């Protein structure tokens, strides 16, 4: 009941935000866009064809992430001392060695945001893209991917500060994780059509390239360099994850197949040797066996007993 209430609340909230900022009925479109999803419907009536697009249902992990991020943001706005407390102890803030080694910060900073547009952009992207990945990968793998992409941004920022390339400051926001989602989507669904500001249709791969270029230019220009470094790191991790995972899975499968084939070959060799020894016993008696042949029979007997257990 609570989950259904949260889903309806977030769906209505997302609808309101979309209509307020963009004045359009659907966020995605095109051959591979949201029109093809299972949450779209065709309504026929009034003598004509009417098309209605509803917002997508929220998957469990995406729902919890949305609630956590929005709740923390609004609590921080309503209670300013808590905002200062959160940023002091839960942001990525490599101002000294003690703060730099507090590894929980690489996770917790992803739930803090600096302004309404910051949190709304991140949460809208999570709302529309997150369920697609969570359904495909499962909740556990999706959450791991999301947090790893975000943490990578915090780690890179800390390293840049340690190297003396940037002055330490407070880093907050889920943008590293969000940009990781965009990079993964650009690789897995490159032709997915996204309507930027509800007007300009772009394939997701083009949008990802534009965002990466903007972040890179801002980084080298010194404008929000820490945040842009986190964006780029999150995108890089998202891309590496979706490209490396299939390669690693295939490699592990080949290794497992090789071990299995090697085991089968050993079993065949052992069985052939046992058959030869048994034939020898049948022809010349057990006294004719050598010490090695007796040892082989004993090993074969032990393996057979072990397999029965």
C-alpha atoms as a PDB file:
ATOM      1  CA  UNK A   1       0.000   0.000   0.000  1.00  0.00           C
ATOM      2  CA  UNK A   2       2.807   2.392   0.934  1.00  0.00           C
ATOM      3  CA  UNK A   3       4.742   1.506  -2.237  1.00  0.00           C
ATOM      4  CA  UNK A   4       1.669   2.144  -4.401  1.00  0.00           C
ATOM      5  CA  UNK A   5       1.131   5.508  -2.711  1.00  0.00           C
ATOM      6  CA  UNK A   6       4.792   6.474  -3.314  1.00  0.00           C
ATOM      7  CA  UNK A   7       4.566   5.400  -6.950  1.00  0.00           C
ATOM      8  CA  UNK A   8       1.466   7.519  -7.520  1.00  0.00           C
ATOM      9  CA  UNK A   9       2.972  10.500  -5.707  1.00  0.00           C
ATOM     10  CA  UNK A  10       6.233  10.400  -7.684  1.00  0.00           C
ATOM     11  CA  UNK A  11       4.394   9.822 -10.956  1.00  0.00           C
ATOM     12  CA  UNK A  12       2.155  12.847 -10.362  1.00  0.00           C
ATOM     13  CA  UNK A  13       5.154  14.906  -9.274  1.00  0.00           C
ATOM     14  CA  UNK A  14       7.118  13.943 -12.401  1.00  0.00           C
ATOM     15  CA  UNK A  15       4.136  14.763 -14.603  1.00  0.00           C
ATOM     16  CA  UNK A  16       3.868  18.198 -13.022  1.00  0.00           C
ATOM     17  CA  UNK A  17       7.571  18.937 -13.389  1.00  0.00           C
ATOM     18  CA  UNK A  18       7.596  17.875 -17.037  1.00  0.00           C
ATOM     19  CA  UNK A  19       4.592  19.981 -17.937  1.00  0.00           C
ATOM     20  CA  UNK A  20       5.895  22.977 -15.993  1.00  0.00           C
ATOM     21  CA  UNK A  21       9.357  23.088 -17.517  1.00  0.00           C
ATOM     22  CA  UNK A  22       8.788  21.698 -20.979  1.00  0.00           C
ATOM     23  CA  UNK A  23       5.089  21.757 -21.776  1.00  0.00           C
ATOM     24  CA  UNK A  24       5.121  18.426 -23.483  1.00  0.00           C
ATOM     25  CA  UNK A  25       3.305  15.147 -22.985  1.00  0.00           C
ATOM     26  CA  UNK A  26       6.170  12.720 -23.387  1.00  0.00           C
ATOM     27  CA  UNK A  27       9.829  12.857 -22.505  1.00  0.00           C
ATOM     28  CA  UNK A  28      11.058  10.333 -25.041  1.00  0.00           C
ATOM     29  CA  UNK A  29       9.957   9.582 -28.561  1.00  0.00           C
ATOM     30  CA  UNK A  30      11.025   7.974 -31.794  1.00  0.00           C
ATOM     31  CA  UNK A  31      11.434   4.440 -33.018  1.00  0.00           C
ATOM     32  CA  UNK A  32      13.003   3.182 -29.826  1.00  0.00           C
ATOM     33  CA  UNK A  33      11.619   5.671 -27.368  1.00  0.00           C
ATOM     34  CA  UNK A  34       9.123   5.573 -24.585  1.00  0.00           C
ATOM     35  CA  UNK A  35       6.302   5.020 -27.081  1.00  0.00           C
ATOM     36  CA  UNK A  36       7.465   1.407 -27.379  1.00  0.00           C
ATOM     37  CA  UNK A  37       7.405   0.708 -23.645  1.00  0.00           C
ATOM     38  CA  UNK A  38       4.807  -1.457 -21.970  1.00  0.00           C
ATOM     39  CA  UNK A  39       3.441   1.450 -19.991  1.00  0.00           C
ATOM     40  CA  UNK A  40       2.155   3.302 -23.093  1.00  0.00           C
ATOM     41  CA  UNK A  41      -1.380   2.896 -24.336  1.00  0.00           C
ATOM     42  CA  UNK A  42      -3.346   3.587 -27.520  1.00  0.00           C
ATOM     43  CA  UNK A  43      -6.771   5.088 -26.879  1.00  0.00           C
ATOM     44  CA  UNK A  44      -9.342   4.976 -29.658  1.00  0.00           C
ATOM     45  CA  UNK A  45     -12.428   7.133 -29.407  1.00  0.00           C
ATOM     46  CA  UNK A  46     -14.292  10.128 -30.730  1.00  0.00           C
ATOM     47  CA  UNK A  47     -13.830   8.943 -34.317  1.00  0.00           C
ATOM     48  CA  UNK A  48     -10.061   9.403 -34.286  1.00  0.00           C
ATOM     49  CA  UNK A  49      -6.808   7.952 -33.004  1.00  0.00           C
ATOM     50  CA  UNK A  50      -5.644   9.386 -29.713  1.00  0.00           C
ATOM     51  CA  UNK A  51      -2.256   8.568 -28.265  1.00  0.00           C
ATOM     52  CA  UNK A  52      -1.564   8.898 -24.568  1.00  0.00           C
ATOM     53  CA  UNK A  53       1.769   8.437 -22.865  1.00  0.00           C
ATOM     54  CA  UNK A  54       1.852   7.938 -19.114  1.00  0.00           C
ATOM     55  CA  UNK A  55       4.888   8.152 -16.907  1.00  0.00           C
ATOM     56  CA  UNK A  56       6.641   4.815 -16.304  1.00  0.00           C
ATOM     57  CA  UNK A  57       6.027   2.784 -13.149  1.00  0.00           C
ATOM     58  CA  UNK A  58       8.859   3.073 -10.676  1.00  0.00           C
ATOM     59  CA  UNK A  59      10.932   0.009  -9.846  1.00  0.00           C
ATOM     60  CA  UNK A  60      11.830  -0.679  -6.172  1.00  0.00           C
ATOM     61  CA  UNK A  61      15.437   0.546  -6.008  1.00  0.00           C
ATOM     62  CA  UNK A  62      14.697   3.594  -8.158  1.00  0.00           C
ATOM     63  CA  UNK A  63      11.762   4.392  -5.863  1.00  0.00           C
ATOM     64  CA  UNK A  64      13.927   4.228  -2.739  1.00  0.00           C
ATOM     65  CA  UNK A  65      16.661   6.326  -4.354  1.00  0.00           C
ATOM     66  CA  UNK A  66      14.136   8.979  -5.380  1.00  0.00           C
ATOM     67  CA  UNK A  67      12.602   9.101  -1.929  1.00  0.00           C
ATOM     68  CA  UNK A  68      15.984   9.262  -0.185  1.00  0.00           C
ATOM     69  CA  UNK A  69      17.399  11.997  -2.424  1.00  0.00           C
ATOM     70  CA  UNK A  70      14.290  14.188  -2.370  1.00  0.00           C
ATOM     71  CA  UNK A  71      13.692  13.716   1.356  1.00  0.00           C
ATOM     72  CA  UNK A  72      17.270  14.621   2.263  1.00  0.00           C
ATOM     73  CA  UNK A  73      17.181  17.638  -0.027  1.00  0.00           C
ATOM     74  CA  UNK A  74      13.946  19.079   1.372  1.00  0.00           C
ATOM     75  CA  UNK A  75      14.959  18.369   4.965  1.00  0.00           C
ATOM     76  CA  UNK A  76      18.218  20.219   4.270  1.00  0.00           C
ATOM     77  CA  UNK A  77      16.313  23.179   2.850  1.00  0.00           C
ATOM     78  CA  UNK A  78      13.851  23.300   5.733  1.00  0.00           C
ATOM     79  CA  UNK A  79      16.473  22.804   8.469  1.00  0.00           C
ATOM     80  CA  UNK A  80      19.667  24.715   7.505  1.00  0.00           C
ATOM     81  CA  UNK A  81      21.764  23.388  10.429  1.00  0.00           C
ATOM     82  CA  UNK A  82      21.190  19.873   9.133  1.00  0.00           C
ATOM     83  CA  UNK A  83      22.394  20.968   5.706  1.00  0.00           C
ATOM     84  CA  UNK A  84      25.675  22.136   7.242  1.00  0.00           C
ATOM     85  CA  UNK A  85      25.953  18.883   9.212  1.00  0.00           C
ATOM     86  CA  UNK A  86      25.304  16.752   6.136  1.00  0.00           C
ATOM     87  CA  UNK A  87      27.861  18.603   4.041  1.00  0.00           C
ATOM     88  CA  UNK A  88      30.478  18.463   6.792  1.00  0.00           C
ATOM     89  CA  UNK A  89      30.271  14.734   7.431  1.00  0.00           C
ATOM     90  CA  UNK A  90      28.706  13.178   4.337  1.00  0.00           C
ATOM     91  CA  UNK A  91      30.076  15.138   1.365  1.00  0.00           C
ATOM     92  CA  UNK A  92      33.328  14.339  -0.424  1.00  0.00           C
ATOM     93  CA  UNK A  93      35.593  16.926   1.152  1.00  0.00           C
ATOM     94  CA  UNK A  94      39.307  16.046   0.810  1.00  0.00           C
ATOM     95  CA  UNK A  95      40.518  19.083   2.748  1.00  0.00           C
ATOM     96  CA  UNK A  96      42.764  16.864   4.874  1.00  0.00           C
ATOM     97  CA  UNK A  97      43.925  13.262   5.092  1.00  0.00           C
ATOM     98  CA  UNK A  98      41.409  12.375   7.801  1.00  0.00           C
ATOM     99  CA  UNK A  99      38.443  13.457   5.683  1.00  0.00           C
ATOM    100  CA  UNK A 100      39.906  11.860   2.560  1.00  0.00           C
ATOM    101  CA  UNK A 101      40.021   8.343   4.022  1.00  0.00           C
ATOM    102  CA  UNK A 102      36.427   8.397   5.281  1.00  0.00           C
ATOM    103  CA  UNK A 103      35.218   6.052   2.556  1.00  0.00           C
ATOM    104  CA  UNK A 104      31.527   6.321   3.408  1.00  0.00           C
ATOM    105  CA  UNK A 105      31.608   9.796   1.898  1.00  0.00           C
ATOM    106  CA  UNK A 106      31.945   8.318  -1.607  1.00  0.00           C
ATOM    107  CA  UNK A 107      28.456   6.839  -1.158  1.00  0.00           C
ATOM    108  CA  UNK A 108      26.708   9.413   1.016  1.00  0.00           C
ATOM    109  CA  UNK A 109      27.693  12.444  -1.060  1.00  0.00           C
ATOM    110  CA  UNK A 110      25.483  11.080  -3.830  1.00  0.00           C
ATOM    111  CA  UNK A 111      22.383  11.813  -1.733  1.00  0.00           C
ATOM    112  CA  UNK A 112      23.171  15.503  -1.172  1.00  0.00           C
ATOM    113  CA  UNK A 113      22.354  18.264  -3.662  1.00  0.00           C
ATOM    114  CA  UNK A 114      23.065  21.961  -3.865  1.00  0.00           C
ATOM    115  CA  UNK A 115      19.867  23.318  -5.407  1.00  0.00           C
ATOM    116  CA  UNK A 116      16.430  22.536  -6.794  1.00  0.00           C
ATOM    117  CA  UNK A 117      17.576  22.320 -10.426  1.00  0.00           C
ATOM    118  CA  UNK A 118      20.519  20.112  -9.433  1.00  0.00           C
ATOM    119  CA  UNK A 119      18.343  17.570  -7.648  1.00  0.00           C
ATOM    120  CA  UNK A 120      15.470  17.756 -10.161  1.00  0.00           C
ATOM    121  CA  UNK A 121      17.680  17.107 -13.193  1.00  0.00           C
ATOM    122  CA  UNK A 122      19.320  14.128 -11.509  1.00  0.00           C
ATOM    123  CA  UNK A 123      16.061  12.665 -10.221  1.00  0.00           C
ATOM    124  CA  UNK A 124      14.212  13.078 -13.515  1.00  0.00           C
ATOM    125  CA  UNK A 125      16.978  11.248 -15.384  1.00  0.00           C
ATOM    126  CA  UNK A 126      16.978   8.543 -12.707  1.00  0.00           C
ATOM    127  CA  UNK A 127      13.190   8.317 -12.905  1.00  0.00           C
ATOM    128  CA  UNK A 128      13.106   7.789 -16.656  1.00  0.00           C
ATOM    129  CA  UNK A 129      16.264   5.731 -17.191  1.00  0.00           C
ATOM    130  CA  UNK A 130      16.624   3.861 -13.912  1.00  0.00           C
ATOM    131  CA  UNK A 131      13.645   1.470 -14.250  1.00  0.00           C
ATOM    132  CA  UNK A 132      14.862   0.379 -17.689  1.00  0.00           C
ATOM    133  CA  UNK A 133      18.166  -0.817 -16.237  1.00  0.00           C
ATOM    134  CA  UNK A 134      16.724  -2.209 -13.028  1.00  0.00           C
ATOM    135  CA  UNK A 135      14.289  -4.394 -14.974  1.00  0.00           C
ATOM    136  CA  UNK A 136      17.047  -5.599 -17.280  1.00  0.00           C
ATOM    137  CA  UNK A 137      19.741  -6.207 -14.648  1.00  0.00           C
ATOM    138  CA  UNK A 138      17.788  -6.803 -11.467  1.00  0.00           C
ATOM    139  CA  UNK A 139      17.657  -4.573  -8.402  1.00  0.00           C
ATOM    140  CA  UNK A 140      20.908  -5.704  -6.780  1.00  0.00           C
ATOM    141  CA  UNK A 141      23.061  -5.279  -9.866  1.00  0.00           C
ATOM    142  CA  UNK A 142      21.436  -1.959 -10.759  1.00  0.00           C
ATOM    143  CA  UNK A 143      22.059  -0.511  -7.291  1.00  0.00           C
ATOM    144  CA  UNK A 144      25.669  -1.682  -7.396  1.00  0.00           C
ATOM    145  CA  UNK A 145      26.162  -0.077 -10.803  1.00  0.00           C
ATOM    146  CA  UNK A 146      24.547   3.191  -9.688  1.00  0.00           C
ATOM    147  CA  UNK A 147      26.601   3.545  -6.526  1.00  0.00           C
ATOM    148  CA  UNK A 148      29.872   2.490  -8.184  1.00  0.00           C
ATOM    149  CA  UNK A 149      29.481   5.132 -10.909  1.00  0.00           C
ATOM    150  CA  UNK A 150      28.799   7.794  -8.307  1.00  0.00           C
ATOM    151  CA  UNK A 151      31.642   6.667  -6.051  1.00  0.00           C
ATOM    152  CA  UNK A 152      34.067   6.754  -8.980  1.00  0.00           C
ATOM    153  CA  UNK A 153      33.361  10.457  -9.393  1.00  0.00           C
ATOM    154  CA  UNK A 154      34.166  11.099  -5.743  1.00  0.00           C
ATOM    155  CA  UNK A 155      37.351   9.046  -5.886  1.00  0.00           C
ATOM    156  CA  UNK A 156      38.624  10.853  -8.998  1.00  0.00           C
ATOM    157  CA  UNK A 157      37.903  14.250  -7.445  1.00  0.00           C
ATOM    158  CA  UNK A 158      39.829  13.258  -4.312  1.00  0.00           C
ATOM    159  CA  UNK A 159      42.801  12.082  -6.387  1.00  0.00           C
ATOM    160  CA  UNK A 160      42.844  15.336  -8.355  1.00  0.00           C
ATOM    161  CA  UNK A 161      42.946  17.310  -5.097  1.00  0.00           C
ATOM    162  CA  UNK A 162      45.704  15.081  -3.702  1.00  0.00           C
ATOM    163  CA  UNK A 163      47.764  15.693  -6.843  1.00  0.00           C
ATOM    164  CA  UNK A 164      47.493  19.417  -6.265  1.00  0.00           C
ATOM    165  CA  UNK A 165      45.596  20.058  -9.492  1.00  0.00           C
ATOM    166  CA  UNK A 166      42.611  21.545  -7.706  1.00  0.00           C
ATOM    167  CA  UNK A 167      41.843  23.256  -4.430  1.00  0.00           C
ATOM    168  CA  UNK A 168      39.723  21.148  -2.039  1.00  0.00           C
ATOM    169  CA  UNK A 169      36.046  21.917  -1.804  1.00  0.00           C
ATOM    170  CA  UNK A 170      32.764  20.209  -1.020  1.00  0.00           C
ATOM    171  CA  UNK A 171      31.545  17.768  -3.673  1.00  0.00           C
ATOM    172  CA  UNK A 172      27.890  16.714  -3.531  1.00  0.00           C
ATOM    173  CA  UNK A 173      25.321  15.280  -5.917  1.00  0.00           C
ATOM    174  CA  UNK A 174      24.297  12.119  -7.723  1.00  0.00           C
ATOM    175  CA  UNK A 175      25.505  13.421 -11.077  1.00  0.00           C
ATOM    176  CA  UNK A 176      28.333  10.875 -11.351  1.00  0.00           C
ATOM    177  CA  UNK A 177      25.820   8.047 -11.028  1.00  0.00           C
ATOM    178  CA  UNK A 178      23.354   9.769 -13.371  1.00  0.00           C
ATOM    179  CA  UNK A 179      25.978  10.357 -16.046  1.00  0.00           C
ATOM    180  CA  UNK A 180      26.974   6.709 -15.662  1.00  0.00           C
ATOM    181  CA  UNK A 181      23.382   5.750 -16.481  1.00  0.00           C
ATOM    182  CA  UNK A 182      23.427   7.993 -19.539  1.00  0.00           C
ATOM    183  CA  UNK A 183      26.699   6.493 -20.761  1.00  0.00           C
ATOM    184  CA  UNK A 184      25.409   2.956 -20.253  1.00  0.00           C
ATOM    185  CA  UNK A 185      22.206   3.827 -22.069  1.00  0.00           C
ATOM    186  CA  UNK A 186      24.142   5.373 -24.950  1.00  0.00           C
ATOM    187  CA  UNK A 187      26.046   2.109 -25.398  1.00  0.00           C
ATOM    188  CA  UNK A 188      23.167  -0.326 -24.911  1.00  0.00           C
ATOM    189  CA  UNK A 189      20.450   1.784 -26.583  1.00  0.00           C
ATOM    190  CA  UNK A 190      22.357   4.226 -28.831  1.00  0.00           C
ATOM    191  CA  UNK A 191      19.384   5.116 -31.046  1.00  0.00           C
ATOM    192  CA  UNK A 192      16.906   5.727 -28.237  1.00  0.00           C
ATOM    193  CA  UNK A 193      15.311   9.079 -29.087  1.00  0.00           C
ATOM    194  CA  UNK A 194      15.349  11.702 -26.336  1.00  0.00           C
ATOM    195  CA  UNK A 195      13.522  15.008 -26.699  1.00  0.00           C
ATOM    196  CA  UNK A 196      15.751  17.676 -25.155  1.00  0.00           C
ATOM    197  CA  UNK A 197      13.572  20.356 -23.547  1.00  0.00           C
ATOM    198  CA  UNK A 198      10.665  18.587 -25.193  1.00  0.00           C
ATOM    199  CA  UNK A 199      11.606  20.059 -28.583  1.00  0.00           C
ATOM    200  CA  UNK A 200      14.872  18.740 -30.010  1.00  0.00           C
ATOM    201  CA  UNK A 201      14.981  14.997 -30.775  1.00  0.00           C
ATOM    202  CA  UNK A 202      18.404  13.451 -30.312  1.00  0.00           C
ATOM    203  CA  UNK A 203      19.649   9.873 -30.261  1.00  0.00           C
ATOM    204  CA  UNK A 204      20.866   9.050 -26.782  1.00  0.00           C
ATOM    205  CA  UNK A 205      24.396   8.418 -28.064  1.00  0.00           C
ATOM    206  CA  UNK A 206      24.557  11.986 -29.441  1.00  0.00           C
ATOM    207  CA  UNK A 207      23.197  13.462 -26.213  1.00  0.00           C
ATOM    208  CA  UNK A 208      25.794  11.533 -24.198  1.00  0.00           C
ATOM    209  CA  UNK A 209      28.611  12.796 -26.429  1.00  0.00           C
ATOM    210  CA  UNK A 210      27.373  16.391 -26.080  1.00  0.00           C
ATOM    211  CA  UNK A 211      27.150  16.122 -22.298  1.00  0.00           C
ATOM    212  CA  UNK A 212      30.625  14.580 -22.120  1.00  0.00           C
ATOM    213  CA  UNK A 213      32.049  17.355 -24.307  1.00  0.00           C
ATOM    214  CA  UNK A 214      30.400  20.071 -22.219  1.00  0.00           C
ATOM    215  CA  UNK A 215      31.714  18.525 -18.996  1.00  0.00           C
ATOM    216  CA  UNK A 216      35.215  18.232 -20.446  1.00  0.00           C
ATOM    217  CA  UNK A 217      35.263  21.844 -21.651  1.00  0.00           C
ATOM    218  CA  UNK A 218      33.978  23.088 -18.296  1.00  0.00           C
ATOM    219  CA  UNK A 219      36.585  20.976 -16.516  1.00  0.00           C
ATOM    220  CA  UNK A 220      39.540  22.335 -18.437  1.00  0.00           C
ATOM    221  CA  UNK A 221      38.042  25.825 -18.208  1.00  0.00           C
ATOM    222  CA  UNK A 222      37.879  25.584 -14.425  1.00  0.00           C
ATOM    223  CA  UNK A 223      34.120  26.060 -14.188  1.00  0.00           C
ATOM    224  CA  UNK A 224      32.810  23.662 -11.523  1.00  0.00           C
ATOM    225  CA  UNK A 225      35.871  21.556 -12.266  1.00  0.00           C
ATOM    226  CA  UNK A 226      35.291  19.171  -9.374  1.00  0.00           C
ATOM    227  CA  UNK A 227      31.704  18.470 -10.368  1.00  0.00           C
ATOM    228  CA  UNK A 228      32.643  18.061 -14.033  1.00  0.00           C
ATOM    229  CA  UNK A 229      35.408  15.621 -13.076  1.00  0.00           C
ATOM    230  CA  UNK A 230      32.781  13.583 -11.221  1.00  0.00           C
ATOM    231  CA  UNK A 231      30.527  13.677 -14.295  1.00  0.00           C
ATOM    232  CA  UNK A 232      33.281  12.409 -16.572  1.00  0.00           C
ATOM    233  CA  UNK A 233      34.390   9.744 -14.106  1.00  0.00           C
ATOM    234  CA  UNK A 234      30.825   8.487 -13.734  1.00  0.00           C
ATOM    235  CA  UNK A 235      30.387   8.333 -17.501  1.00  0.00           C
ATOM    236  CA  UNK A 236      33.673   6.500 -17.919  1.00  0.00           C
ATOM    237  CA  UNK A 237      32.754   3.947 -15.263  1.00  0.00           C
ATOM    238  CA  UNK A 238      29.304   3.457 -16.755  1.00  0.00           C
ATOM    239  CA  UNK A 239      30.827   2.806 -20.169  1.00  0.00           C
ATOM    240  CA  UNK A 240      33.529   0.515 -18.807  1.00  0.00           C
ATOM    241  CA  UNK A 241      30.983  -1.453 -16.793  1.00  0.00           C
ATOM    242  CA  UNK A 242      28.650  -2.270 -19.677  1.00  0.00           C
ATOM    243  CA  UNK A 243      31.522  -2.987 -22.067  1.00  0.00           C
ATOM    244  CA  UNK A 244      33.672  -4.952 -19.613  1.00  0.00           C
ATOM    245  CA  UNK A 245      30.892  -7.023 -18.019  1.00  0.00           C
ATOM    246  CA  UNK A 246      30.061  -9.091 -21.150  1.00  0.00           C
ATOM    247  CA  UNK A 247      33.784  -9.605 -21.842  1.00  0.00           C
ATOM    248  CA  UNK A 248      34.386 -10.757 -18.269  1.00  0.00           C
ATOM    249  CA  UNK A 249      31.338 -13.022 -18.342  1.00  0.00           C
ATOM    250  CA  UNK A 250      32.481 -14.594 -21.616  1.00  0.00           C
ATOM    251  CA  UNK A 251      36.004 -15.046 -20.261  1.00  0.00           C
ATOM    252  CA  UNK A 252      34.725 -16.694 -17.089  1.00  0.00           C
ATOM    253  CA  UNK A 253      32.482 -18.958 -19.183  1.00  0.00           C
ATOM    254  CA  UNK A 254      35.428 -19.983 -21.364  1.00  0.00           C
ATOM    255  CA  UNK A 255      37.517 -20.654 -18.263  1.00  0.00           C
ATOM    256  CA  UNK A 256      34.731 -22.721 -16.732  1.00  0.00           C
ATOM    257  CA  UNK A 257      34.285 -24.670 -19.961  1.00  0.00           C
ATOM    258  CA  UNK A 258      38.040 -25.317 -20.130  1.00  0.00           C
ATOM    259  CA  UNK A 259      38.060 -26.636 -16.548  1.00  0.00           C
ATOM    260  CA  UNK A 260      35.064 -28.833 -17.264  1.00  0.00           C
ATOM    261  CA  UNK A 261      36.596 -30.234 -20.455  1.00  0.00           C
ATOM    262  CA  UNK A 262      39.854 -30.895 -18.627  1.00  0.00           C
ATOM    263  CA  UNK A 263      37.983 -32.712 -15.882  1.00  0.00           C
ATOM    264  CA  UNK A 264      36.110 -34.818 -18.439  1.00  0.00           C
ATOM    265  CA  UNK A 265      39.386 -35.716 -20.145  1.00  0.00           C
ATOM    266  CA  UNK A 266      40.874 -36.780 -16.810  1.00  0.00           C
ATOM    267  CA  UNK A 267      37.799 -38.886 -16.071  1.00  0.00           C
ATOM    268  CA  UNK A 268      38.031 -40.604 -19.455  1.00  0.00           C
ATOM    269  CA  UNK A 269      41.734 -41.283 -18.958  1.00  0.00           C
ATOM    270  CA  UNK A 270      41.109 -42.686 -15.481  1.00  0.00           C
ATOM    271  CA  UNK A 271      38.242 -44.866 -16.697  1.00  0.00           C
ATOM    272  CA  UNK A 272      40.323 -46.248 -19.544  1.00  0.00           C
ATOM    273  CA  UNK A 273      43.136 -47.086 -17.102  1.00  0.00           C
ATOM    274  CA  UNK A 274      40.701 -48.767 -14.670  1.00  0.00           C
ATOM    275  CA  UNK A 275      39.216 -50.838 -17.500  1.00  0.00           C
ATOM    276  CA  UNK A 276      42.696 -51.980 -18.503  1.00  0.00           C
ATOM    277  CA  UNK A 277      43.553 -52.940 -14.922  1.00  0.00           C
ATOM    278  CA  UNK A 278      40.289 -54.855 -14.500  1.00  0.00           C
ATOM    279  CA  UNK A 279      40.952 -56.727 -17.735  1.00  0.00           C
ATOM    280  CA  UNK A 280      44.397 -57.602 -16.401  1.00  0.00           C
ATOM    281  CA  UNK A 281      42.902 -58.916 -13.148  1.00  0.00           C
ATOM    282  CA  UNK A 282      40.425 -60.980 -15.133  1.00  0.00           C
ATOM    283  CA  UNK A 283      43.199 -62.480 -17.246  1.00  0.00           C
ATOM    284  CA  UNK A 284      46.080 -62.886 -14.763  1.00  0.00           C
ATOM    285  CA  UNK A 285      44.619 -62.377 -11.293  1.00  0.00           C
ATOM    286  CA  UNK A 286      44.997 -59.606  -8.758  1.00  0.00           C
ATOM    287  CA  UNK A 287      48.490 -60.754  -7.819  1.00  0.00           C
ATOM    288  CA  UNK A 288      49.718 -59.625 -11.225  1.00  0.00           C
ATOM    289  CA  UNK A 289      49.053 -55.937 -10.457  1.00  0.00           C
ATOM    290  CA  UNK A 290      51.890 -53.546  -9.886  1.00  0.00           C
ATOM    291  CA  UNK A 291      51.968 -51.155  -6.932  1.00  0.00           C
ATOM    292  CA  UNK A 292      50.973 -48.242  -9.198  1.00  0.00           C
ATOM    293  CA  UNK A 293      48.020 -50.174 -10.646  1.00  0.00           C
ATOM    294  CA  UNK A 294      46.753 -51.006  -7.137  1.00  0.00           C
ATOM    295  CA  UNK A 295      47.095 -47.327  -6.217  1.00  0.00           C
ATOM    296  CA  UNK A 296      45.099 -46.354  -9.318  1.00  0.00           C
ATOM    297  CA  UNK A 297      42.293 -48.755  -8.388  1.00  0.00           C
ATOM    298  CA  UNK A 298      42.189 -47.377  -4.855  1.00  0.00           C
ATOM    299  CA  UNK A 299      42.001 -43.795  -6.136  1.00  0.00           C
ATOM    300  CA  UNK A 300      39.200 -44.705  -8.552  1.00  0.00           C
ATOM    301  CA  UNK A 301      37.279 -46.409  -5.733  1.00  0.00           C
ATOM    302  CA  UNK A 302      37.656 -43.367  -3.459  1.00  0.00           C
ATOM    303  CA  UNK A 303      36.499 -40.981  -6.188  1.00  0.00           C
ATOM    304  CA  UNK A 304      33.461 -43.136  -6.864  1.00  0.00           C
ATOM    305  CA  UNK A 305      32.534 -43.187  -3.167  1.00  0.00           C
ATOM    306  CA  UNK A 306      33.004 -39.420  -2.957  1.00  0.00           C
ATOM    307  CA  UNK A 307      30.716 -38.868  -5.949  1.00  0.00           C
ATOM    308  CA  UNK A 308      27.985 -41.001  -4.334  1.00  0.00           C
ATOM    309  CA  UNK A 309      28.074 -38.794  -1.260  1.00  0.00           C
END
